[in-house]
Amino acid sequence: MKDRNFLNSVMEFEQQLESMQTQFEALKKFVALMMEEHQTLQMENNHLRTRLEEVLSAKQEGSVESNDEGEKQQIIDVGEGYDNLARLYHEGYHVCHVHFGSSRKGEDCLFCLSFLNKQ
C-alpha cells in the first residue's frame, strides 16, 4: 500500500513539474515579446528626440526675424501643419483621430489617407 501511495505522489509531482514547465515557457515568450516591444519603443523614442532636436534647431536658426520696431516674430507657413502630419504618416505613424500617434507597422490606414486627402 505504501508503494502505491508513493507512486501516486511521484506521478502527481511529475504532473506539477510539467504544468510549471508550461507556465515557464509561456512566461519566457511573454518576456521576449515585452523586450522586443521595449526595444522598438526605445528606437522610436530616439528617432523622435532626434527629429525634435532638428526641428527646434531649424526654428531657432530660420524662423525668427525682427521687424521695424525690433520685436521678434515667428513666420508660420500656411501648410506647415498639414506637411507635418503628412511627414508623420510617411514615417509610419497614424495621423487620424482613431489611432493618432500609434505606429502603423507598414500598413496603410484608410482613416489617415482620407484625412490627408481632404482639400
PDB file of N, CA and C in Angstrom:
ATOM      1  N   MET A   1       0.807  -1.184   0.000  1.00  0.00           N
ATOM      2  CA  MET A   1       0.000   0.000   0.000  1.00  0.00           C
ATOM      3  C   MET A   1       0.856   1.255   0.000  1.00  0.00           C
ATOM      4  N   LYS A   2       1.974   1.200   0.729  1.00  0.00           N
ATOM      5  CA  LYS A   2       2.844   2.353   0.783  1.00  0.00           C
ATOM      6  C   LYS A   2       3.489   2.597  -0.578  1.00  0.00           C
ATOM      7  N   ASP A   3       3.826   1.535  -1.297  1.00  0.00           N
ATOM      8  CA  ASP A   3       4.423   1.684  -2.617  1.00  0.00           C
ATOM      9  C   ASP A   3       3.449   2.364  -3.578  1.00  0.00           C
ATOM     10  N   ARG A   4       2.192   2.017  -3.478  1.00  0.00           N
ATOM     11  CA  ARG A   4       1.161   2.593  -4.347  1.00  0.00           C
ATOM     12  C   ARG A   4       1.000   4.088  -4.054  1.00  0.00           C
ATOM     13  N   ASN A   5       0.991   4.441  -2.772  1.00  0.00           N
ATOM     14  CA  ASN A   5       0.871   5.828  -2.357  1.00  0.00           C
ATOM     15  C   ASN A   5       2.090   6.628  -2.817  1.00  0.00           C
ATOM     16  N   PHE A   6       3.270   6.032  -2.692  1.00  0.00           N
ATOM     17  CA  PHE A   6       4.499   6.688  -3.125  1.00  0.00           C
ATOM     18  C   PHE A   6       4.492   6.906  -4.635  1.00  0.00           C
ATOM     19  N   LEU A   7       4.043   5.932  -5.393  1.00  0.00           N
ATOM     20  CA  LEU A   7       3.965   6.047  -6.843  1.00  0.00           C
ATOM     21  C   LEU A   7       2.985   7.145  -7.254  1.00  0.00           C
ATOM     22  N   ASN A   8       1.855   7.229  -6.581  1.00  0.00           N
ATOM     23  CA  ASN A   8       0.888   8.297  -6.849  1.00  0.00           C
ATOM     24  C   ASN A   8       1.498   9.676  -6.570  1.00  0.00           C
ATOM     25  N   SER A   9       2.258   9.774  -5.501  1.00  0.00           N
ATOM     26  CA  SER A   9       2.907  11.046  -5.159  1.00  0.00           C
ATOM     27  C   SER A   9       3.916  11.442  -6.232  1.00  0.00           C
ATOM     28  N   VAL A  10       4.682  10.499  -6.715  1.00  0.00           N
ATOM     29  CA  VAL A  10       5.674  10.770  -7.762  1.00  0.00           C
ATOM     30  C   VAL A  10       4.977  11.201  -9.044  1.00  0.00           C
ATOM     31  N   MET A  11       3.886  10.533  -9.401  1.00  0.00           N
ATOM     32  CA  MET A  11       3.157  10.887 -10.621  1.00  0.00           C
ATOM     33  C   MET A  11       2.522  12.284 -10.493  1.00  0.00           C
ATOM     34  N   GLU A  12       2.002  12.582  -9.320  1.00  0.00           N
ATOM     35  CA  GLU A  12       1.426  13.912  -9.091  1.00  0.00           C
ATOM     36  C   GLU A  12       2.505  14.988  -9.174  1.00  0.00           C
ATOM     37  N   PHE A  13       3.666  14.685  -8.618  1.00  0.00           N
ATOM     38  CA  PHE A  13       4.789  15.619  -8.682  1.00  0.00           C
ATOM     39  C   PHE A  13       5.229  15.847 -10.132  1.00  0.00           C
ATOM     40  N   GLU A  14       5.235  14.792 -10.923  1.00  0.00           N
ATOM     41  CA  GLU A  14       5.597  14.898 -12.335  1.00  0.00           C
ATOM     42  C   GLU A  14       4.608  15.798 -13.086  1.00  0.00           C
ATOM     43  N   GLN A  15       3.332  15.651 -12.785  1.00  0.00           N
ATOM     44  CA  GLN A  15       2.314  16.496 -13.420  1.00  0.00           C
ATOM     45  C   GLN A  15       2.495  17.958 -13.022  1.00  0.00           C
ATOM     46  N   GLN A  16       2.826  18.200 -11.762  1.00  0.00           N
ATOM     47  CA  GLN A  16       3.071  19.566 -11.316  1.00  0.00           C
ATOM     48  C   GLN A  16       4.280  20.166 -12.039  1.00  0.00           C
ATOM     49  N   LEU A  17       5.328  19.374 -12.210  1.00  0.00           N
ATOM     50  CA  LEU A  17       6.517  19.848 -12.924  1.00  0.00           C
ATOM     51  C   LEU A  17       6.198  20.181 -14.379  1.00  0.00           C
ATOM     52  N   GLU A  18       5.398  19.346 -15.029  1.00  0.00           N
ATOM     53  CA  GLU A  18       5.004  19.609 -16.419  1.00  0.00           C
ATOM     54  C   GLU A  18       4.184  20.887 -16.512  1.00  0.00           C
ATOM     55  N   SER A  19       3.295  21.085 -15.560  1.00  0.00           N
ATOM     56  CA  SER A  19       2.489  22.304 -15.527  1.00  0.00           C
ATOM     57  C   SER A  19       3.375  23.536 -15.327  1.00  0.00           C
ATOM     58  N   MET A  20       4.334  23.414 -14.434  1.00  0.00           N
ATOM     59  CA  MET A  20       5.251  24.526 -14.196  1.00  0.00           C
ATOM     60  C   MET A  20       6.112  24.811 -15.420  1.00  0.00           C
ATOM     61  N   GLN A  21       6.509  23.756 -16.117  1.00  0.00           N
ATOM     62  CA  GLN A  21       7.301  23.917 -17.336  1.00  0.00           C
ATOM     63  C   GLN A  21       6.499  24.666 -18.400  1.00  0.00           C
ATOM     64  N   THR A  22       5.229  24.327 -18.532  1.00  0.00           N
ATOM     65  CA  THR A  22       4.354  25.000 -19.486  1.00  0.00           C
ATOM     66  C   THR A  22       4.203  26.472 -19.119  1.00  0.00           C
ATOM     67  N   GLN A  23       3.992  26.755 -17.838  1.00  0.00           N
ATOM     68  CA  GLN A  23       3.872  28.132 -17.381  1.00  0.00           C
ATOM     69  C   GLN A  23       5.173  28.904 -17.610  1.00  0.00           C
ATOM     70  N   PHE A  24       6.293  28.245 -17.378  1.00  0.00           N
ATOM     71  CA  PHE A  24       7.594  28.881 -17.568  1.00  0.00           C
ATOM     72  C   PHE A  24       7.824  29.226 -19.039  1.00  0.00           C
ATOM     73  N   GLU A  25       7.447  28.332 -19.941  1.00  0.00           N
ATOM     74  CA  GLU A  25       7.583  28.596 -21.376  1.00  0.00           C
ATOM     75  C   GLU A  25       6.722  29.785 -21.793  1.00  0.00           C
ATOM     76  N   ALA A  26       5.499  29.850 -21.275  1.00  0.00           N
ATOM     77  CA  ALA A  26       4.612  30.971 -21.579  1.00  0.00           C
ATOM     78  C   ALA A  26       5.200  32.277 -21.050  1.00  0.00           C
ATOM     79  N   LEU A  27       5.774  32.235 -19.866  1.00  0.00           N
ATOM     80  CA  LEU A  27       6.398  33.410 -19.278  1.00  0.00           C
ATOM     81  C   LEU A  27       7.605  33.865 -20.108  1.00  0.00           C
ATOM     82  N   LYS A  28       8.402  32.914 -20.578  1.00  0.00           N
ATOM     83  CA  LYS A  28       9.556  33.263 -21.416  1.00  0.00           C
ATOM     84  C   LYS A  28       9.117  33.935 -22.713  1.00  0.00           C
ATOM     85  N   LYS A  29       8.047  33.422 -23.325  1.00  0.00           N
ATOM     86  CA  LYS A  29       7.527  34.030 -24.557  1.00  0.00           C
ATOM     87  C   LYS A  29       7.028  35.443 -24.293  1.00  0.00           C
ATOM     88  N   PHE A  30       6.337  35.639 -23.166  1.00  0.00           N
ATOM     89  CA  PHE A  30       5.826  36.956 -22.818  1.00  0.00           C
ATOM     90  C   PHE A  30       6.972  37.945 -22.581  1.00  0.00           C
ATOM     91  N   VAL A  31       8.002  37.515 -21.861  1.00  0.00           N
ATOM     92  CA  VAL A  31       9.159  38.377 -21.596  1.00  0.00           C
ATOM     93  C   VAL A  31       9.866  38.733 -22.902  1.00  0.00           C
ATOM     94  N   ALA A  32      10.010  37.787 -23.796  1.00  0.00           N
ATOM     95  CA  ALA A  32      10.644  38.068 -25.084  1.00  0.00           C
ATOM     96  C   ALA A  32       9.832  39.084 -25.875  1.00  0.00           C
ATOM     97  N   LEU A  33       8.517  38.945 -25.864  1.00  0.00           N
ATOM     98  CA  LEU A  33       7.643  39.895 -26.554  1.00  0.00           C
ATOM     99  C   LEU A  33       7.764  41.286 -25.941  1.00  0.00           C
ATOM    100  N   MET A  34       7.779  41.368 -24.625  1.00  0.00           N
ATOM    101  CA  MET A  34       7.909  42.660 -23.947  1.00  0.00           C
ATOM    102  C   MET A  34       9.266  43.303 -24.220  1.00  0.00           C
ATOM    103  N   MET A  35      10.323  42.510 -24.274  1.00  0.00           N
ATOM    104  CA  MET A  35      11.650  43.051 -24.577  1.00  0.00           C
ATOM    105  C   MET A  35      11.706  43.583 -26.006  1.00  0.00           C
ATOM    106  N   GLU A  36      11.078  42.870 -26.931  1.00  0.00           N
ATOM    107  CA  GLU A  36      11.035  43.321 -28.317  1.00  0.00           C
ATOM    108  C   GLU A  36      10.259  44.634 -28.422  1.00  0.00           C
ATOM    109  N   GLU A  37       9.124  44.706 -27.751  1.00  0.00           N
ATOM    110  CA  GLU A  37       8.329  45.937 -27.778  1.00  0.00           C
ATOM    111  C   GLU A  37       9.092  47.087 -27.125  1.00  0.00           C
ATOM    112  N   HIS A  38       9.782  46.808 -26.043  1.00  0.00           N
ATOM    113  CA  HIS A  38      10.587  47.821 -25.359  1.00  0.00           C
ATOM    114  C   HIS A  38      11.676  48.359 -26.287  1.00  0.00           C
ATOM    115  N   GLN A  39      12.339  47.472 -26.996  1.00  0.00           N
ATOM    116  CA  GLN A  39      13.391  47.877 -27.928  1.00  0.00           C
ATOM    117  C   GLN A  39      12.807  48.745 -29.048  1.00  0.00           C
ATOM    118  N   THR A  40      11.652  48.360 -29.570  1.00  0.00           N
ATOM    119  CA  THR A  40      11.001  49.141 -30.620  1.00  0.00           C
ATOM    120  C   THR A  40      10.642  50.526 -30.119  1.00  0.00           C
ATOM    121  N   LEU A  41      10.109  50.599 -28.914  1.00  0.00           N
ATOM    122  CA  LEU A  41       9.740  51.894 -28.346  1.00  0.00           C
ATOM    123  C   LEU A  41      10.958  52.761 -28.078  1.00  0.00           C
ATOM    124  N   GLN A  42      12.058  52.153 -27.652  1.00  0.00           N
ATOM    125  CA  GLN A  42      13.284  52.917 -27.444  1.00  0.00           C
ATOM    126  C   GLN A  42      13.795  53.495 -28.764  1.00  0.00           C
ATOM    127  N   MET A  43      13.757  52.699 -29.822  1.00  0.00           N
ATOM    128  CA  MET A  43      14.205  53.188 -31.124  1.00  0.00           C
ATOM    129  C   MET A  43      13.312  54.329 -31.608  1.00  0.00           C
ATOM    130  N   GLU A  44      11.995  54.180 -31.470  1.00  0.00           N
ATOM    131  CA  GLU A  44      11.072  55.236 -31.866  1.00  0.00           C
ATOM    132  C   GLU A  44      11.307  56.495 -31.045  1.00  0.00           C
ATOM    133  N   ASN A  45      11.536  56.332 -29.749  1.00  0.00           N
ATOM    134  CA  ASN A  45      11.784  57.460 -28.870  1.00  0.00           C
ATOM    135  C   ASN A  45      13.047  58.201 -29.284  1.00  0.00           C
ATOM    136  N   ASN A  46      14.118  57.464 -29.561  1.00  0.00           N
ATOM    137  CA  ASN A  46      15.364  58.094 -30.004  1.00  0.00           C
ATOM    138  C   ASN A  46      15.170  58.819 -31.328  1.00  0.00           C
ATOM    139  N   HIS A  47      14.423  58.205 -32.240  1.00  0.00           N
ATOM    140  CA  HIS A  47      14.152  58.831 -33.534  1.00  0.00           C
ATOM    141  C   HIS A  47      13.367  60.129 -33.343  1.00  0.00           C
ATOM    142  N   LEU A  48      12.357  60.092 -32.475  1.00  0.00           N
ATOM    143  CA  LEU A  48      11.554  61.286 -32.232  1.00  0.00           C
ATOM    144  C   LEU A  48      12.361  62.382 -31.539  1.00  0.00           C
ATOM    145  N   ARG A  49      13.234  62.011 -30.620  1.00  0.00           N
ATOM    146  CA  ARG A  49      14.090  63.015 -29.968  1.00  0.00           C
ATOM    147  C   ARG A  49      15.020  63.678 -30.986  1.00  0.00           C
ATOM    148  N   THR A  50      15.595  62.872 -31.872  1.00  0.00           N
ATOM    149  CA  THR A  50      16.469  63.419 -32.910  1.00  0.00           C
ATOM    150  C   THR A  50      15.701  64.359 -33.813  1.00  0.00           C
ATOM    151  N   ARG A  51      14.520  63.935 -34.223  1.00  0.00           N
ATOM    152  CA  ARG A  51      13.687  64.770 -35.099  1.00  0.00           C
ATOM    153  C   ARG A  51      13.283  66.062 -34.396  1.00  0.00           C
ATOM    154  N   LEU A  52      12.946  65.979 -33.104  1.00  0.00           N
ATOM    155  CA  LEU A  52      12.574  67.165 -32.337  1.00  0.00           C
ATOM    156  C   LEU A  52      13.745  68.140 -32.260  1.00  0.00           C
ATOM    157  N   GLU A  53      14.944  67.618 -32.019  1.00  0.00           N
ATOM    158  CA  GLU A  53      16.120  68.479 -31.977  1.00  0.00           C
ATOM    159  C   GLU A  53      16.354  69.160 -33.320  1.00  0.00           C
ATOM    160  N   GLU A  54      16.153  68.427 -34.418  1.00  0.00           N
ATOM    161  CA  GLU A  54      16.305  69.012 -35.744  1.00  0.00           C
ATOM    162  C   GLU A  54      15.300  70.135 -35.971  1.00  0.00           C
ATOM    163  N   VAL A  55      14.058  69.888 -35.597  1.00  0.00           N
ATOM    164  CA  VAL A  55      13.011  70.893 -35.798  1.00  0.00           C
ATOM    165  C   VAL A  55      13.276  72.121 -34.939  1.00  0.00           C
ATOM    166  N   LEU A  56      13.643  71.908 -33.679  1.00  0.00           N
ATOM    167  CA  LEU A  56      13.907  73.037 -32.793  1.00  0.00           C
ATOM    168  C   LEU A  56      15.098  73.861 -33.263  1.00  0.00           C
ATOM    169  N   SER A  57      16.148  73.197 -33.710  1.00  0.00           N
ATOM    170  CA  SER A  57      17.319  73.944 -34.187  1.00  0.00           C
ATOM    171  C   SER A  57      16.998  74.687 -35.475  1.00  0.00           C
ATOM    172  N   ALA A  58      16.177  74.103 -36.341  1.00  0.00           N
ATOM    173  CA  ALA A  58      15.784  74.789 -37.573  1.00  0.00           C
ATOM    174  C   ALA A  58      14.926  76.007 -37.254  1.00  0.00           C
ATOM    175  N   LYS A  59      14.039  75.905 -36.270  1.00  0.00           N
ATOM    176  CA  LYS A  59      13.210  77.049 -35.895  1.00  0.00           C
ATOM    177  C   LYS A  59      14.055  78.155 -35.291  1.00  0.00           C
ATOM    178  N   GLN A  60      15.043  77.783 -34.483  1.00  0.00           N
ATOM    179  CA  GLN A  60      15.903  78.802 -33.866  1.00  0.00           C
ATOM    180  C   GLN A  60      16.736  79.523 -34.904  1.00  0.00           C
ATOM    181  N   GLU A  61      17.162  78.825 -35.937  1.00  0.00           N
ATOM    182  CA  GLU A  61      18.014  79.425 -36.950  1.00  0.00           C
ATOM    183  C   GLU A  61      17.251  80.268 -37.957  1.00  0.00           C
ATOM    184  N   GLY A  62      16.096  79.781 -38.441  1.00  0.00           N
ATOM    185  CA  GLY A  62      15.491  80.431 -39.580  1.00  0.00           C
ATOM    186  C   GLY A  62      14.111  81.010 -39.413  1.00  0.00           C
ATOM    187  N   SER A  63      13.401  80.730 -38.361  1.00  0.00           N
ATOM    188  CA  SER A  63      12.007  81.147 -38.319  1.00  0.00           C
ATOM    189  C   SER A  63      11.776  82.418 -37.526  1.00  0.00           C
ATOM    190  N   VAL A  64      12.820  83.024 -36.990  1.00  0.00           N
ATOM    191  CA  VAL A  64      12.647  84.242 -36.212  1.00  0.00           C
ATOM    192  C   VAL A  64      13.337  85.372 -36.946  1.00  0.00           C
ATOM    193  N   GLU A  65      12.589  86.433 -37.226  1.00  0.00           N
ATOM    194  CA  GLU A  65      13.189  87.609 -37.839  1.00  0.00           C
ATOM    195  C   GLU A  65      12.649  88.841 -37.135  1.00  0.00           C
ATOM    196  N   SER A  66      13.412  89.879 -37.137  1.00  0.00           N
ATOM    197  CA  SER A  66      12.968  91.079 -36.420  1.00  0.00           C
ATOM    198  C   SER A  66      12.280  92.027 -37.377  1.00  0.00           C
ATOM    199  N   ASN A  67      11.269  92.766 -36.863  1.00  0.00           N
ATOM    200  CA  ASN A  67      10.576  93.735 -37.686  1.00  0.00           C
ATOM    201  C   ASN A  67      11.142  95.132 -37.427  1.00  0.00           C
ATOM    202  N   ASP A  68      10.470  96.183 -37.892  1.00  0.00           N
ATOM    203  CA  ASP A  68      10.996  97.541 -37.800  1.00  0.00           C
ATOM    204  C   ASP A  68      11.173  98.008 -36.364  1.00  0.00           C
ATOM    205  N   GLU A  69      10.295  97.624 -35.447  1.00  0.00           N
ATOM    206  CA  GLU A  69      10.391  98.065 -34.059  1.00  0.00           C
ATOM    207  C   GLU A  69      11.400  97.244 -33.260  1.00  0.00           C
ATOM    208  N   GLY A  70      12.011  96.263 -33.844  1.00  0.00           N
ATOM    209  CA  GLY A  70      12.991  95.438 -33.154  1.00  0.00           C
ATOM    210  C   GLY A  70      12.375  94.252 -32.440  1.00  0.00           C
ATOM    211  N   GLU A  71      11.069  94.072 -32.543  1.00  0.00           N
ATOM    212  CA  GLU A  71      10.434  92.918 -31.933  1.00  0.00           C
ATOM    213  C   GLU A  71      10.657  91.696 -32.809  1.00  0.00           C
ATOM    214  N   LYS A  72      10.624  90.515 -32.207  1.00  0.00           N
ATOM    215  CA  LYS A  72      10.821  89.283 -32.962  1.00  0.00           C
ATOM    216  C   LYS A  72       9.476  88.638 -33.240  1.00  0.00           C
ATOM    217  N   GLN A  73       9.298  88.170 -34.484  1.00  0.00           N
ATOM    218  CA  GLN A  73       8.083  87.489 -34.890  1.00  0.00           C
ATOM    219  C   GLN A  73       8.452  86.139 -35.465  1.00  0.00           C
ATOM    220  N   GLN A  74       7.578  85.191 -35.286  1.00  0.00           N
ATOM    221  CA  GLN A  74       7.767  83.896 -35.916  1.00  0.00           C
ATOM    222  C   GLN A  74       6.989  83.870 -37.210  1.00  0.00           C
ATOM    223  N   ILE A  75       7.626  83.329 -38.243  1.00  0.00           N
ATOM    224  CA  ILE A  75       6.966  83.154 -39.528  1.00  0.00           C
ATOM    225  C   ILE A  75       6.404  81.746 -39.572  1.00  0.00           C
ATOM    226  N   ILE A  76       5.115  81.630 -39.807  1.00  0.00           N
ATOM    227  CA  ILE A  76       4.458  80.327 -39.838  1.00  0.00           C
ATOM    228  C   ILE A  76       3.964  80.069 -41.250  1.00  0.00           C
ATOM    229  N   ASP A  77       4.386  78.976 -41.834  1.00  0.00           N
ATOM    230  CA  ASP A  77       3.904  78.604 -43.152  1.00  0.00           C
ATOM    231  C   ASP A  77       2.445  78.192 -43.055  1.00  0.00           C
ATOM    232  N   VAL A  78       1.682  78.513 -44.093  1.00  0.00           N
ATOM    233  CA  VAL A  78       0.259  78.195 -44.096  1.00  0.00           C
ATOM    234  C   VAL A  78       0.042  76.683 -44.043  1.00  0.00           C
ATOM    235  N   GLY A  79       0.786  75.905 -44.808  1.00  0.00           N
ATOM    236  CA  GLY A  79       0.596  74.463 -44.873  1.00  0.00           C
ATOM    237  C   GLY A  79       1.526  73.678 -43.983  1.00  0.00           C
ATOM    238  N   GLU A  80       2.123  74.332 -43.007  1.00  0.00           N
ATOM    239  CA  GLU A  80       3.109  73.657 -42.164  1.00  0.00           C
ATOM    240  C   GLU A  80       2.500  72.514 -41.357  1.00  0.00           C
ATOM    241  N   GLY A  81       1.306  72.710 -40.801  1.00  0.00           N
ATOM    242  CA  GLY A  81       0.653  71.656 -40.015  1.00  0.00           C
ATOM    243  C   GLY A  81       0.334  70.442 -40.863  1.00  0.00           C
ATOM    244  N   TYR A  82      -0.199  70.690 -42.059  1.00  0.00           N
ATOM    245  CA  TYR A  82      -0.510  69.591 -42.975  1.00  0.00           C
ATOM    246  C   TYR A  82       0.771  68.850 -43.359  1.00  0.00           C
ATOM    247  N   ASP A  83       1.821  69.609 -43.656  1.00  0.00           N
ATOM    248  CA  ASP A  83       3.101  68.989 -44.030  1.00  0.00           C
ATOM    249  C   ASP A  83       3.653  68.133 -42.896  1.00  0.00           C
ATOM    250  N   ASN A  84       3.511  68.607 -41.667  1.00  0.00           N
ATOM    251  CA  ASN A  84       3.994  67.832 -40.515  1.00  0.00           C
ATOM    252  C   ASN A  84       3.211  66.535 -40.363  1.00  0.00           C
ATOM    253  N   LEU A  85       1.892  66.609 -40.546  1.00  0.00           N
ATOM    254  CA  LEU A  85       1.080  65.390 -40.447  1.00  0.00           C
ATOM    255  C   LEU A  85       1.418  64.409 -41.564  1.00  0.00           C
ATOM    256  N   ALA A  86       1.618  64.924 -42.775  1.00  0.00           N
ATOM    257  CA  ALA A  86       1.975  64.049 -43.889  1.00  0.00           C
ATOM    258  C   ALA A  86       3.336  63.402 -43.640  1.00  0.00           C
ATOM    259  N   ARG A  87       4.270  64.168 -43.097  1.00  0.00           N
ATOM    260  CA  ARG A  87       5.600  63.624 -42.787  1.00  0.00           C
ATOM    261  C   ARG A  87       5.490  62.531 -41.730  1.00  0.00           C
ATOM    262  N   LEU A  88       4.687  62.782 -40.686  1.00  0.00           N
ATOM    263  CA  LEU A  88       4.497  61.765 -39.642  1.00  0.00           C
ATOM    264  C   LEU A  88       3.886  60.494 -40.215  1.00  0.00           C
ATOM    265  N   TYR A  89       2.918  60.659 -41.116  1.00  0.00           N
ATOM    266  CA  TYR A  89       2.282  59.491 -41.728  1.00  0.00           C
ATOM    267  C   TYR A  89       3.309  58.688 -42.525  1.00  0.00           C
ATOM    268  N   HIS A  90       4.153  59.379 -43.280  1.00  0.00           N
ATOM    269  CA  HIS A  90       5.155  58.682 -44.088  1.00  0.00           C
ATOM    270  C   HIS A  90       6.275  58.083 -43.237  1.00  0.00           C
ATOM    271  N   GLU A  91       6.442  58.574 -42.017  1.00  0.00           N
ATOM    272  CA  GLU A  91       7.419  57.988 -41.100  1.00  0.00           C
ATOM    273  C   GLU A  91       6.853  56.761 -40.385  1.00  0.00           C
ATOM    274  N   GLY A  92       5.551  56.483 -40.590  1.00  0.00           N
ATOM    275  CA  GLY A  92       4.985  55.250 -40.051  1.00  0.00           C
ATOM    276  C   GLY A  92       4.057  55.427 -38.868  1.00  0.00           C
ATOM    277  N   TYR A  93       3.494  56.630 -38.682  1.00  0.00           N
ATOM    278  CA  TYR A  93       2.599  56.870 -37.557  1.00  0.00           C
ATOM    279  C   TYR A  93       1.212  57.259 -38.058  1.00  0.00           C
ATOM    280  N   HIS A  94       0.203  56.921 -37.264  1.00  0.00           N
ATOM    281  CA  HIS A  94      -1.164  57.309 -37.590  1.00  0.00           C
ATOM    282  C   HIS A  94      -1.350  58.794 -37.326  1.00  0.00           C
ATOM    283  N   VAL A  95      -2.111  59.478 -38.210  1.00  0.00           N
ATOM    284  CA  VAL A  95      -2.465  60.878 -38.012  1.00  0.00           C
ATOM    285  C   VAL A  95      -3.981  61.051 -37.914  1.00  0.00           C
ATOM    286  N   CYS A  96      -4.724  59.954 -37.983  1.00  0.00           N
ATOM    287  CA  CYS A  96      -6.180  60.019 -37.888  1.00  0.00           C
ATOM    288  C   CYS A  96      -6.602  60.107 -36.414  1.00  0.00           C
ATOM    289  N   HIS A  97      -7.836  60.544 -36.203  1.00  0.00           N
ATOM    290  CA  HIS A  97      -8.337  60.687 -34.842  1.00  0.00           C
ATOM    291  C   HIS A  97      -8.542  59.340 -34.149  1.00  0.00           C
ATOM    292  N   VAL A  98      -8.637  58.279 -34.916  1.00  0.00           N
ATOM    293  CA  VAL A  98      -8.911  56.960 -34.341  1.00  0.00           C
ATOM    294  C   VAL A  98      -7.675  56.382 -33.645  1.00  0.00           C
ATOM    295  N   HIS A  99      -6.512  56.479 -34.303  1.00  0.00           N
ATOM    296  CA  HIS A  99      -5.283  55.844 -33.789  1.00  0.00           C
ATOM    297  C   HIS A  99      -4.132  56.837 -33.698  1.00  0.00           C
ATOM    298  N   PHE A 100      -4.394  58.107 -33.510  1.00  0.00           N
ATOM    299  CA  PHE A 100      -3.362  59.144 -33.599  1.00  0.00           C
ATOM    300  C   PHE A 100      -2.122  58.818 -32.773  1.00  0.00           C
ATOM    301  N   GLY A 101      -0.965  58.880 -33.431  1.00  0.00           N
ATOM    302  CA  GLY A 101       0.315  58.701 -32.766  1.00  0.00           C
ATOM    303  C   GLY A 101       0.801  57.279 -32.638  1.00  0.00           C
ATOM    304  N   SER A 102      -0.036  56.302 -32.879  1.00  0.00           N
ATOM    305  CA  SER A 102       0.419  54.915 -32.761  1.00  0.00           C
ATOM    306  C   SER A 102       1.109  54.491 -34.066  1.00  0.00           C
ATOM    307  N   SER A 103       1.954  53.501 -33.969  1.00  0.00           N
ATOM    308  CA  SER A 103       2.722  53.025 -35.114  1.00  0.00           C
ATOM    309  C   SER A 103       1.820  52.284 -36.101  1.00  0.00           C
ATOM    310  N   ARG A 104       2.019  52.551 -37.416  1.00  0.00           N
ATOM    311  CA  ARG A 104       1.218  51.896 -38.446  1.00  0.00           C
ATOM    312  C   ARG A 104       1.782  50.533 -38.815  1.00  0.00           C
ATOM    313  N   LYS A 105       3.006  50.244 -38.492  1.00  0.00           N
ATOM    314  CA  LYS A 105       3.661  48.969 -38.795  1.00  0.00           C
ATOM    315  C   LYS A 105       3.616  48.655 -40.292  1.00  0.00           C
ATOM    316  N   GLY A 106       3.795  49.686 -41.133  1.00  0.00           N
ATOM    317  CA  GLY A 106       3.891  49.493 -42.573  1.00  0.00           C
ATOM    318  C   GLY A 106       2.583  49.358 -43.309  1.00  0.00           C
ATOM    319  N   GLU A 107       1.462  49.340 -42.598  1.00  0.00           N
ATOM    320  CA  GLU A 107       0.169  49.174 -43.243  1.00  0.00           C
ATOM    321  C   GLU A 107      -0.462  50.542 -43.480  1.00  0.00           C
ATOM    322  N   ASP A 108      -1.146  50.716 -44.620  1.00  0.00           N
ATOM    323  CA  ASP A 108      -1.860  51.958 -44.876  1.00  0.00           C
ATOM    324  C   ASP A 108      -3.141  51.989 -44.056  1.00  0.00           C
ATOM    325  N   CYS A 109      -3.533  53.190 -43.648  1.00  0.00           N
ATOM    326  CA  CYS A 109      -4.745  53.378 -42.860  1.00  0.00           C
ATOM    327  C   CYS A 109      -5.713  54.228 -43.672  1.00  0.00           C
ATOM    328  N   LEU A 110      -6.905  53.714 -43.897  1.00  0.00           N
ATOM    329  CA  LEU A 110      -7.904  54.442 -44.685  1.00  0.00           C
ATOM    330  C   LEU A 110      -8.328  55.735 -43.998  1.00  0.00           C
ATOM    331  N   PHE A 111      -8.404  55.736 -42.662  1.00  0.00           N
ATOM    332  CA  PHE A 111      -8.769  56.947 -41.951  1.00  0.00           C
ATOM    333  C   PHE A 111      -7.714  58.043 -42.166  1.00  0.00           C
ATOM    334  N   CYS A 112      -6.447  57.663 -42.033  1.00  0.00           N
ATOM    335  CA  CYS A 112      -5.363  58.627 -42.237  1.00  0.00           C
ATOM    336  C   CYS A 112      -5.360  59.150 -43.669  1.00  0.00           C
ATOM    337  N   LEU A 113      -5.497  58.240 -44.630  1.00  0.00           N
ATOM    338  CA  LEU A 113      -5.457  58.652 -46.038  1.00  0.00           C
ATOM    339  C   LEU A 113      -6.619  59.575 -46.373  1.00  0.00           C
ATOM    340  N   SER A 114      -7.805  59.275 -45.875  1.00  0.00           N
ATOM    341  CA  SER A 114      -8.940  60.153 -46.159  1.00  0.00           C
ATOM    342  C   SER A 114      -8.751  61.518 -45.471  1.00  0.00           C
ATOM    343  N   PHE A 115      -8.151  61.517 -44.291  1.00  0.00           N
ATOM    344  CA  PHE A 115      -7.881  62.775 -43.604  1.00  0.00           C
ATOM    345  C   PHE A 115      -6.855  63.612 -44.379  1.00  0.00           C
ATOM    346  N   LEU A 116      -5.800  62.987 -44.858  1.00  0.00           N
ATOM    347  CA  LEU A 116      -4.747  63.720 -45.574  1.00  0.00           C
ATOM    348  C   LEU A 116      -5.194  64.165 -46.946  1.00  0.00           C
ATOM    349  N   ASN A 117      -6.165  63.478 -47.566  1.00  0.00           N
ATOM    350  CA  ASN A 117      -6.606  63.827 -48.909  1.00  0.00           C
ATOM    351  C   ASN A 117      -7.715  64.877 -48.921  1.00  0.00           C
ATOM    352  N   LYS A 118      -8.168  65.335 -47.752  1.00  0.00           N
ATOM    353  CA  LYS A 118      -9.178  66.395 -47.721  1.00  0.00           C
ATOM    354  C   LYS A 118      -8.560  67.694 -48.221  1.00  0.00           C
ATOM    355  N   GLN A 119      -9.320  68.428 -48.984  1.00  0.00           N
ATOM    356  CA  GLN A 119      -8.813  69.704 -49.525  1.00  0.00           C
ATOM    357  C   GLN A 119      -9.416  70.877 -48.784  1.00  0.00           C
TER     358      GLN A 119
END
